[in-house]
């Protein structure tokens, strides 16, 4: 994880167990991605896989016919 953080965000000390720092990294990255695609929103799909319509939204985005109604739950503890 430290190597990934250093590669993508040039952090020498990621602070793997620092929740606030990890959350800030995550939020900053998401904002940067949204900004990068702001002039071409049709190239970025943002979904919550827990939403019932997210599977069909993904299929439409990549130009595929849905094979089911929702995402399959694999490796779930529920």
PDB file of N, CA and C in Angstrom:
ATOM      1  N   UNK A   1       0.824  -1.190   0.000  1.00  0.00           N
ATOM      2  CA  UNK A   1       0.000   0.000   0.000  1.00  0.00           C
ATOM      3  C   UNK A   1       0.869   1.255   0.000  1.00  0.00           C
ATOM      4  N   UNK A   2       1.939   1.214   0.773  1.00  0.00           N
ATOM      5  CA  UNK A   2       2.839   2.365   0.801  1.00  0.00           C
ATOM      6  C   UNK A   2       3.420   2.654  -0.579  1.00  0.00           C
ATOM      7  N   UNK A   3       3.769   1.592  -1.324  1.00  0.00           N
ATOM      8  CA  UNK A   3       4.324   1.770  -2.656  1.00  0.00           C
ATOM      9  C   UNK A   3       3.307   2.392  -3.607  1.00  0.00           C
ATOM     10  N   UNK A   4       2.058   1.968  -3.509  1.00  0.00           N
ATOM     11  CA  UNK A   4       1.002   2.534  -4.345  1.00  0.00           C
ATOM     12  C   UNK A   4       0.812   4.011  -4.025  1.00  0.00           C
ATOM     13  N   UNK A   5       0.751   4.337  -2.756  1.00  0.00           N
ATOM     14  CA  UNK A   5       0.584   5.736  -2.346  1.00  0.00           C
ATOM     15  C   UNK A   5       1.750   6.586  -2.829  1.00  0.00           C
ATOM     16  N   UNK A   6       2.940   6.051  -2.746  1.00  0.00           N
ATOM     17  CA  UNK A   6       4.113   6.802  -3.212  1.00  0.00           C
ATOM     18  C   UNK A   6       4.055   6.987  -4.732  1.00  0.00           C
ATOM     19  N   UNK A   7       3.668   5.933  -5.451  1.00  0.00           N
ATOM     20  CA  UNK A   7       3.609   5.996  -6.911  1.00  0.00           C
ATOM     21  C   UNK A   7       2.563   6.986  -7.392  1.00  0.00           C
ATOM     22  N   UNK A   8       1.361   6.915  -6.836  1.00  0.00           N
ATOM     23  CA  UNK A   8       0.272   7.753  -7.333  1.00  0.00           C
ATOM     24  C   UNK A   8       0.234   9.148  -6.725  1.00  0.00           C
ATOM     25  N   UNK A   9       0.591   9.273  -5.460  1.00  0.00           N
ATOM     26  CA  UNK A   9       0.460  10.564  -4.798  1.00  0.00           C
ATOM     27  C   UNK A   9       1.776  11.125  -4.297  1.00  0.00           C
ATOM     28  N   UNK A  10       2.881  10.423  -4.595  1.00  0.00           N
ATOM     29  CA  UNK A  10       4.228  10.856  -4.234  1.00  0.00           C
ATOM     30  C   UNK A  10       4.367  11.075  -2.721  1.00  0.00           C
ATOM     31  N   UNK A  11       3.726  10.203  -1.964  1.00  0.00           N
ATOM     32  CA  UNK A  11       3.848  10.265  -0.510  1.00  0.00           C
ATOM     33  C   UNK A  11       4.937   9.307  -0.085  1.00  0.00           C
ATOM     34  N   UNK A  12       5.870   9.786   0.703  1.00  0.00           N
ATOM     35  CA  UNK A  12       6.916   8.920   1.218  1.00  0.00           C
ATOM     36  C   UNK A  12       6.450   8.144   2.441  1.00  0.00           C
ATOM     37  N   UNK A  13       5.508   8.707   3.175  1.00  0.00           N
ATOM     38  CA  UNK A  13       4.987   8.056   4.373  1.00  0.00           C
ATOM     39  C   UNK A  13       3.471   8.091   4.303  1.00  0.00           C
ATOM     40  N   UNK A  14       2.876   7.029   3.787  1.00  0.00           N
ATOM     41  CA  UNK A  14       1.440   7.012   3.582  1.00  0.00           C
ATOM     42  C   UNK A  14       0.665   7.032   4.884  1.00  0.00           C
ATOM     43  N   UNK A  15       1.198   6.441   5.915  1.00  0.00           N
ATOM     44  CA  UNK A  15       0.443   6.362   7.153  1.00  0.00           C
ATOM     45  C   UNK A  15      -0.704   5.388   6.975  1.00  0.00           C
ATOM     46  N   UNK A  16      -0.365   4.148   6.680  1.00  0.00           N
ATOM     47  CA  UNK A  16      -1.334   3.133   6.313  1.00  0.00           C
ATOM     48  C   UNK A  16      -2.503   3.035   7.282  1.00  0.00           C
ATOM     49  N   UNK A  17      -2.264   3.294   8.543  1.00  0.00           N
ATOM     50  CA  UNK A  17      -3.323   3.144   9.535  1.00  0.00           C
ATOM     51  C   UNK A  17      -3.882   4.492  10.006  1.00  0.00           C
ATOM     52  N   UNK A  18      -3.578   5.545   9.287  1.00  0.00           N
ATOM     53  CA  UNK A  18      -4.096   6.865   9.610  1.00  0.00           C
ATOM     54  C   UNK A  18      -5.384   7.078   8.817  1.00  0.00           C
ATOM     55  N   UNK A  19      -6.520   6.851   9.450  1.00  0.00           N
ATOM     56  CA  UNK A  19      -7.815   6.907   8.764  1.00  0.00           C
ATOM     57  C   UNK A  19      -8.064   8.270   8.119  1.00  0.00           C
ATOM     58  N   UNK A  20      -7.788   9.338   8.825  1.00  0.00           N
ATOM     59  CA  UNK A  20      -8.053  10.683   8.298  1.00  0.00           C
ATOM     60  C   UNK A  20      -7.207  10.974   7.068  1.00  0.00           C
ATOM     61  N   UNK A  21      -5.969  10.545   7.109  1.00  0.00           N
ATOM     62  CA  UNK A  21      -5.081  10.781   5.969  1.00  0.00           C
ATOM     63  C   UNK A  21      -5.528   9.953   4.759  1.00  0.00           C
ATOM     64  N   UNK A  22      -5.903   8.701   4.995  1.00  0.00           N
ATOM     65  CA  UNK A  22      -6.375   7.845   3.909  1.00  0.00           C
ATOM     66  C   UNK A  22      -7.675   8.390   3.311  1.00  0.00           C
ATOM     67  N   UNK A  23      -8.577   8.860   4.151  1.00  0.00           N
ATOM     68  CA  UNK A  23      -9.833   9.432   3.684  1.00  0.00           C
ATOM     69  C   UNK A  23      -9.588  10.695   2.863  1.00  0.00           C
ATOM     70  N   UNK A  24      -8.684  11.534   3.314  1.00  0.00           N
ATOM     71  CA  UNK A  24      -8.346  12.748   2.569  1.00  0.00           C
ATOM     72  C   UNK A  24      -7.764  12.398   1.201  1.00  0.00           C
ATOM     73  N   UNK A  25      -6.918  11.387   1.147  1.00  0.00           N
ATOM     74  CA  UNK A  25      -6.351  10.925  -0.121  1.00  0.00           C
ATOM     75  C   UNK A  25      -7.446  10.463  -1.064  1.00  0.00           C
ATOM     76  N   UNK A  26      -8.353   9.666  -0.546  1.00  0.00           N
ATOM     77  CA  UNK A  26      -9.466   9.134  -1.331  1.00  0.00           C
ATOM     78  C   UNK A  26     -10.331  10.264  -1.889  1.00  0.00           C
ATOM     79  N   UNK A  27     -10.698  11.208  -1.045  1.00  0.00           N
ATOM     80  CA  UNK A  27     -11.548  12.315  -1.474  1.00  0.00           C
ATOM     81  C   UNK A  27     -10.840  13.208  -2.489  1.00  0.00           C
ATOM     82  N   UNK A  28      -9.575  13.473  -2.279  1.00  0.00           N
ATOM     83  CA  UNK A  28      -8.806  14.284  -3.215  1.00  0.00           C
ATOM     84  C   UNK A  28      -8.716  13.598  -4.571  1.00  0.00           C
ATOM     85  N   UNK A  29      -8.453  12.307  -4.553  1.00  0.00           N
ATOM     86  CA  UNK A  29      -8.364  11.558  -5.808  1.00  0.00           C
ATOM     87  C   UNK A  29      -9.693  11.614  -6.557  1.00  0.00           C
ATOM     88  N   UNK A  30     -10.809  11.407  -5.863  1.00  0.00           N
ATOM     89  CA  UNK A  30     -12.117  11.461  -6.514  1.00  0.00           C
ATOM     90  C   UNK A  30     -12.378  12.827  -7.139  1.00  0.00           C
ATOM     91  N   UNK A  31     -12.029  13.883  -6.440  1.00  0.00           N
ATOM     92  CA  UNK A  31     -12.203  15.232  -6.988  1.00  0.00           C
ATOM     93  C   UNK A  31     -11.339  15.446  -8.224  1.00  0.00           C
ATOM     94  N   UNK A  32     -10.121  14.938  -8.203  1.00  0.00           N
ATOM     95  CA  UNK A  32      -9.225  15.073  -9.352  1.00  0.00           C
ATOM     96  C   UNK A  32      -9.760  14.316 -10.565  1.00  0.00           C
ATOM     97  N   UNK A  33     -10.317  13.149 -10.337  1.00  0.00           N
ATOM     98  CA  UNK A  33     -10.901  12.376 -11.436  1.00  0.00           C
ATOM     99  C   UNK A  33     -12.102  13.115 -12.022  1.00  0.00           C
ATOM    100  N   UNK A  34     -12.972  13.629 -11.170  1.00  0.00           N
ATOM    101  CA  UNK A  34     -14.140  14.374 -11.650  1.00  0.00           C
ATOM    102  C   UNK A  34     -13.719  15.606 -12.435  1.00  0.00           C
ATOM    103  N   UNK A  35     -12.707  16.293 -11.967  1.00  0.00           N
ATOM    104  CA  UNK A  35     -12.202  17.481 -12.675  1.00  0.00           C
ATOM    105  C   UNK A  35     -11.623  17.091 -14.031  1.00  0.00           C
ATOM    106  N   UNK A  36     -10.877  16.011 -14.066  1.00  0.00           N
ATOM    107  CA  UNK A  36     -10.265  15.549 -15.311  1.00  0.00           C
ATOM    108  C   UNK A  36     -11.320  15.274 -16.377  1.00  0.00           C
ATOM    109  N   UNK A  37     -12.443  14.694 -15.984  1.00  0.00           N
ATOM    110  CA  UNK A  37     -13.499  14.338 -16.928  1.00  0.00           C
ATOM    111  C   UNK A  37     -14.595  15.400 -17.041  1.00  0.00           C
ATOM    112  N   UNK A  38     -14.429  16.543 -16.417  1.00  0.00           N
ATOM    113  CA  UNK A  38     -15.494  17.548 -16.385  1.00  0.00           C
ATOM    114  C   UNK A  38     -15.897  18.050 -17.777  1.00  0.00           C
ATOM    115  N   UNK A  39     -14.974  18.075 -18.710  1.00  0.00           N
ATOM    116  CA  UNK A  39     -15.303  18.553 -20.055  1.00  0.00           C
ATOM    117  C   UNK A  39     -15.849  17.441 -20.948  1.00  0.00           C
ATOM    118  N   UNK A  40     -15.843  16.210 -20.467  1.00  0.00           N
ATOM    119  CA  UNK A  40     -16.390  15.085 -21.228  1.00  0.00           C
ATOM    120  C   UNK A  40     -17.046  14.064 -20.286  1.00  0.00           C
ATOM    121  N   UNK A  41     -18.153  14.460 -19.690  1.00  0.00           N
ATOM    122  CA  UNK A  41     -18.821  13.624 -18.688  1.00  0.00           C
ATOM    123  C   UNK A  41     -19.300  12.280 -19.236  1.00  0.00           C
ATOM    124  N   UNK A  42     -19.466  12.175 -20.548  1.00  0.00           N
ATOM    125  CA  UNK A  42     -19.910  10.908 -21.129  1.00  0.00           C
ATOM    126  C   UNK A  42     -18.825   9.819 -21.057  1.00  0.00           C
ATOM    127  N   UNK A  43     -17.618  10.211 -20.673  1.00  0.00           N
ATOM    128  CA  UNK A  43     -16.504   9.262 -20.562  1.00  0.00           C
ATOM    129  C   UNK A  43     -16.302   8.743 -19.145  1.00  0.00           C
ATOM    130  N   UNK A  44     -17.087   9.237 -18.190  1.00  0.00           N
ATOM    131  CA  UNK A  44     -16.934   8.823 -16.793  1.00  0.00           C
ATOM    132  C   UNK A  44     -18.280   8.374 -16.256  1.00  0.00           C
ATOM    133  N   UNK A  45     -18.294   7.184 -15.677  1.00  0.00           N
ATOM    134  CA  UNK A  45     -19.491   6.678 -15.026  1.00  0.00           C
ATOM    135  C   UNK A  45     -19.205   6.561 -13.541  1.00  0.00           C
ATOM    136  N   UNK A  46     -20.059   7.149 -12.744  1.00  0.00           N
ATOM    137  CA  UNK A  46     -19.954   7.054 -11.291  1.00  0.00           C
ATOM    138  C   UNK A  46     -21.209   6.356 -10.796  1.00  0.00           C
ATOM    139  N   UNK A  47     -21.017   5.222 -10.119  1.00  0.00           N
ATOM    140  CA  UNK A  47     -22.159   4.458  -9.622  1.00  0.00           C
ATOM    141  C   UNK A  47     -21.888   3.988  -8.196  1.00  0.00           C
ATOM    142  N   UNK A  48     -22.962   3.659  -7.520  1.00  0.00           N
ATOM    143  CA  UNK A  48     -22.901   2.982  -6.234  1.00  0.00           C
ATOM    144  C   UNK A  48     -23.390   1.562  -6.506  1.00  0.00           C
ATOM    145  N   UNK A  49     -22.512   0.584  -6.414  1.00  0.00           N
ATOM    146  CA  UNK A  49     -22.887  -0.775  -6.795  1.00  0.00           C
ATOM    147  C   UNK A  49     -24.000  -1.345  -5.927  1.00  0.00           C
ATOM    148  N   UNK A  50     -24.314  -0.729  -4.809  1.00  0.00           N
ATOM    149  CA  UNK A  50     -25.412  -1.180  -3.966  1.00  0.00           C
ATOM    150  C   UNK A  50     -26.767  -0.732  -4.507  1.00  0.00           C
ATOM    151  N   UNK A  51     -26.789   0.268  -5.378  1.00  0.00           N
ATOM    152  CA  UNK A  51     -28.044   0.737  -5.967  1.00  0.00           C
ATOM    153  C   UNK A  51     -28.562  -0.284  -6.977  1.00  0.00           C
ATOM    154  N   UNK A  52     -29.849  -0.509  -6.993  1.00  0.00           N
ATOM    155  CA  UNK A  52     -30.414  -1.545  -7.852  1.00  0.00           C
ATOM    156  C   UNK A  52     -30.266  -1.249  -9.341  1.00  0.00           C
ATOM    157  N   UNK A  53     -30.167   0.000  -9.729  1.00  0.00           N
ATOM    158  CA  UNK A  53     -30.039   0.333 -11.149  1.00  0.00           C
ATOM    159  C   UNK A  53     -28.594   0.470 -11.613  1.00  0.00           C
ATOM    160  N   UNK A  54     -27.629   0.270 -10.730  1.00  0.00           N
ATOM    161  CA  UNK A  54     -26.226   0.500 -11.092  1.00  0.00           C
ATOM    162  C   UNK A  54     -25.694  -0.515 -12.103  1.00  0.00           C
ATOM    163  N   UNK A  55     -26.141  -1.763 -12.029  1.00  0.00           N
ATOM    164  CA  UNK A  55     -25.673  -2.778 -12.982  1.00  0.00           C
ATOM    165  C   UNK A  55     -26.097  -2.412 -14.405  1.00  0.00           C
ATOM    166  N   UNK A  56     -27.361  -2.030 -14.556  1.00  0.00           N
ATOM    167  CA  UNK A  56     -27.853  -1.655 -15.883  1.00  0.00           C
ATOM    168  C   UNK A  56     -27.183  -0.375 -16.379  1.00  0.00           C
ATOM    169  N   UNK A  57     -26.890   0.540 -15.473  1.00  0.00           N
ATOM    170  CA  UNK A  57     -26.183   1.763 -15.853  1.00  0.00           C
ATOM    171  C   UNK A  57     -24.787   1.425 -16.391  1.00  0.00           C
ATOM    172  N   UNK A  58     -24.108   0.490 -15.735  1.00  0.00           N
ATOM    173  CA  UNK A  58     -22.787   0.073 -16.202  1.00  0.00           C
ATOM    174  C   UNK A  58     -22.879  -0.591 -17.568  1.00  0.00           C
ATOM    175  N   UNK A  59     -23.839  -1.470 -17.735  1.00  0.00           N
ATOM    176  CA  UNK A  59     -24.008  -2.137 -19.029  1.00  0.00           C
ATOM    177  C   UNK A  59     -24.262  -1.120 -20.143  1.00  0.00           C
ATOM    178  N   UNK A  60     -25.128  -0.159 -19.886  1.00  0.00           N
ATOM    179  CA  UNK A  60     -25.384   0.878 -20.876  1.00  0.00           C
ATOM    180  C   UNK A  60     -24.141   1.694 -21.190  1.00  0.00           C
ATOM    181  N   UNK A  61     -23.358   1.980 -20.174  1.00  0.00           N
ATOM    182  CA  UNK A  61     -22.146   2.785 -20.340  1.00  0.00           C
ATOM    183  C   UNK A  61     -21.133   2.078 -21.234  1.00  0.00           C
ATOM    184  N   UNK A  62     -21.012   0.762 -21.088  1.00  0.00           N
ATOM    185  CA  UNK A  62     -20.022   0.027 -21.888  1.00  0.00           C
ATOM    186  C   UNK A  62     -20.633  -0.604 -23.145  1.00  0.00           C
ATOM    187  N   UNK A  63     -21.919  -0.336 -23.379  1.00  0.00           N
ATOM    188  CA  UNK A  63     -22.561  -0.800 -24.595  1.00  0.00           C
ATOM    189  C   UNK A  63     -22.861  -2.290 -24.624  1.00  0.00           C
ATOM    190  N   UNK A  64     -23.217  -2.847 -23.491  1.00  0.00           N
ATOM    191  CA  UNK A  64     -23.545  -4.271 -23.401  1.00  0.00           C
ATOM    192  C   UNK A  64     -24.973  -4.453 -22.909  1.00  0.00           C
ATOM    193  N   UNK A  65     -25.584  -5.527 -23.334  1.00  0.00           N
ATOM    194  CA  UNK A  65     -26.907  -5.877 -22.846  1.00  0.00           C
ATOM    195  C   UNK A  65     -26.779  -6.485 -21.452  1.00  0.00           C
ATOM    196  N   UNK A  66     -27.620  -6.083 -20.521  1.00  0.00           N
ATOM    197  CA  UNK A  66     -27.565  -6.672 -19.175  1.00  0.00           C
ATOM    198  C   UNK A  66     -27.914  -8.163 -19.213  1.00  0.00           C
ATOM    199  N   UNK A  67     -27.207  -8.949 -18.426  1.00  0.00           N
ATOM    200  CA  UNK A  67     -27.486 -10.386 -18.311  1.00  0.00           C
ATOM    201  C   UNK A  67     -28.320 -10.700 -17.071  1.00  0.00           C
ATOM    202  N   UNK A  68     -28.500  -9.704 -16.242  1.00  0.00           N
ATOM    203  CA  UNK A  68     -29.272  -9.879 -15.007  1.00  0.00           C
ATOM    204  C   UNK A  68     -29.851  -8.527 -14.637  1.00  0.00           C
ATOM    205  N   UNK A  69     -30.536  -8.464 -13.545  1.00  0.00           N
ATOM    206  CA  UNK A  69     -31.175  -7.221 -13.104  1.00  0.00           C
ATOM    207  C   UNK A  69     -30.240  -6.352 -12.255  1.00  0.00           C
ATOM    208  N   UNK A  70     -29.456  -6.994 -11.400  1.00  0.00           N
ATOM    209  CA  UNK A  70     -28.570  -6.267 -10.477  1.00  0.00           C
ATOM    210  C   UNK A  70     -27.221  -6.979 -10.414  1.00  0.00           C
ATOM    211  N   UNK A  71     -26.238  -6.332  -9.792  1.00  0.00           N
ATOM    212  CA  UNK A  71     -24.946  -6.969  -9.576  1.00  0.00           C
ATOM    213  C   UNK A  71     -25.129  -8.218  -8.714  1.00  0.00           C
ATOM    214  N   UNK A  72     -24.377  -9.253  -9.022  1.00  0.00           N
ATOM    215  CA  UNK A  72     -24.378 -10.440  -8.171  1.00  0.00           C
ATOM    216  C   UNK A  72     -23.628 -10.124  -6.885  1.00  0.00           C
ATOM    217  N   UNK A  73     -24.082 -10.691  -5.796  1.00  0.00           N
ATOM    218  CA  UNK A  73     -23.354 -10.558  -4.530  1.00  0.00           C
ATOM    219  C   UNK A  73     -22.446 -11.772  -4.393  1.00  0.00           C
ATOM    220  N   UNK A  74     -21.173 -11.543  -4.543  1.00  0.00           N
ATOM    221  CA  UNK A  74     -20.186 -12.593  -4.396  1.00  0.00           C
ATOM    222  C   UNK A  74     -19.318 -12.299  -3.192  1.00  0.00           C
ATOM    223  N   UNK A  75     -18.971 -13.338  -2.463  1.00  0.00           N
ATOM    224  CA  UNK A  75     -18.101 -13.189  -1.308  1.00  0.00           C
ATOM    225  C   UNK A  75     -18.689 -12.215  -0.285  1.00  0.00           C
ATOM    226  N   UNK A  76     -19.995 -12.288  -0.098  1.00  0.00           N
ATOM    227  CA  UNK A  76     -20.673 -11.401   0.852  1.00  0.00           C
ATOM    228  C   UNK A  76     -20.960 -12.172   2.131  1.00  0.00           C
ATOM    229  N   UNK A  77     -20.849 -11.488   3.235  1.00  0.00           N
ATOM    230  CA  UNK A  77     -21.089 -12.147   4.523  1.00  0.00           C
ATOM    231  C   UNK A  77     -22.571 -12.145   4.896  1.00  0.00           C
ATOM    232  N   UNK A  78     -23.400 -11.534   4.095  1.00  0.00           N
ATOM    233  CA  UNK A  78     -24.829 -11.449   4.407  1.00  0.00           C
ATOM    234  C   UNK A  78     -25.618 -12.520   3.702  1.00  0.00           C
TER     235      UNK A  78
END
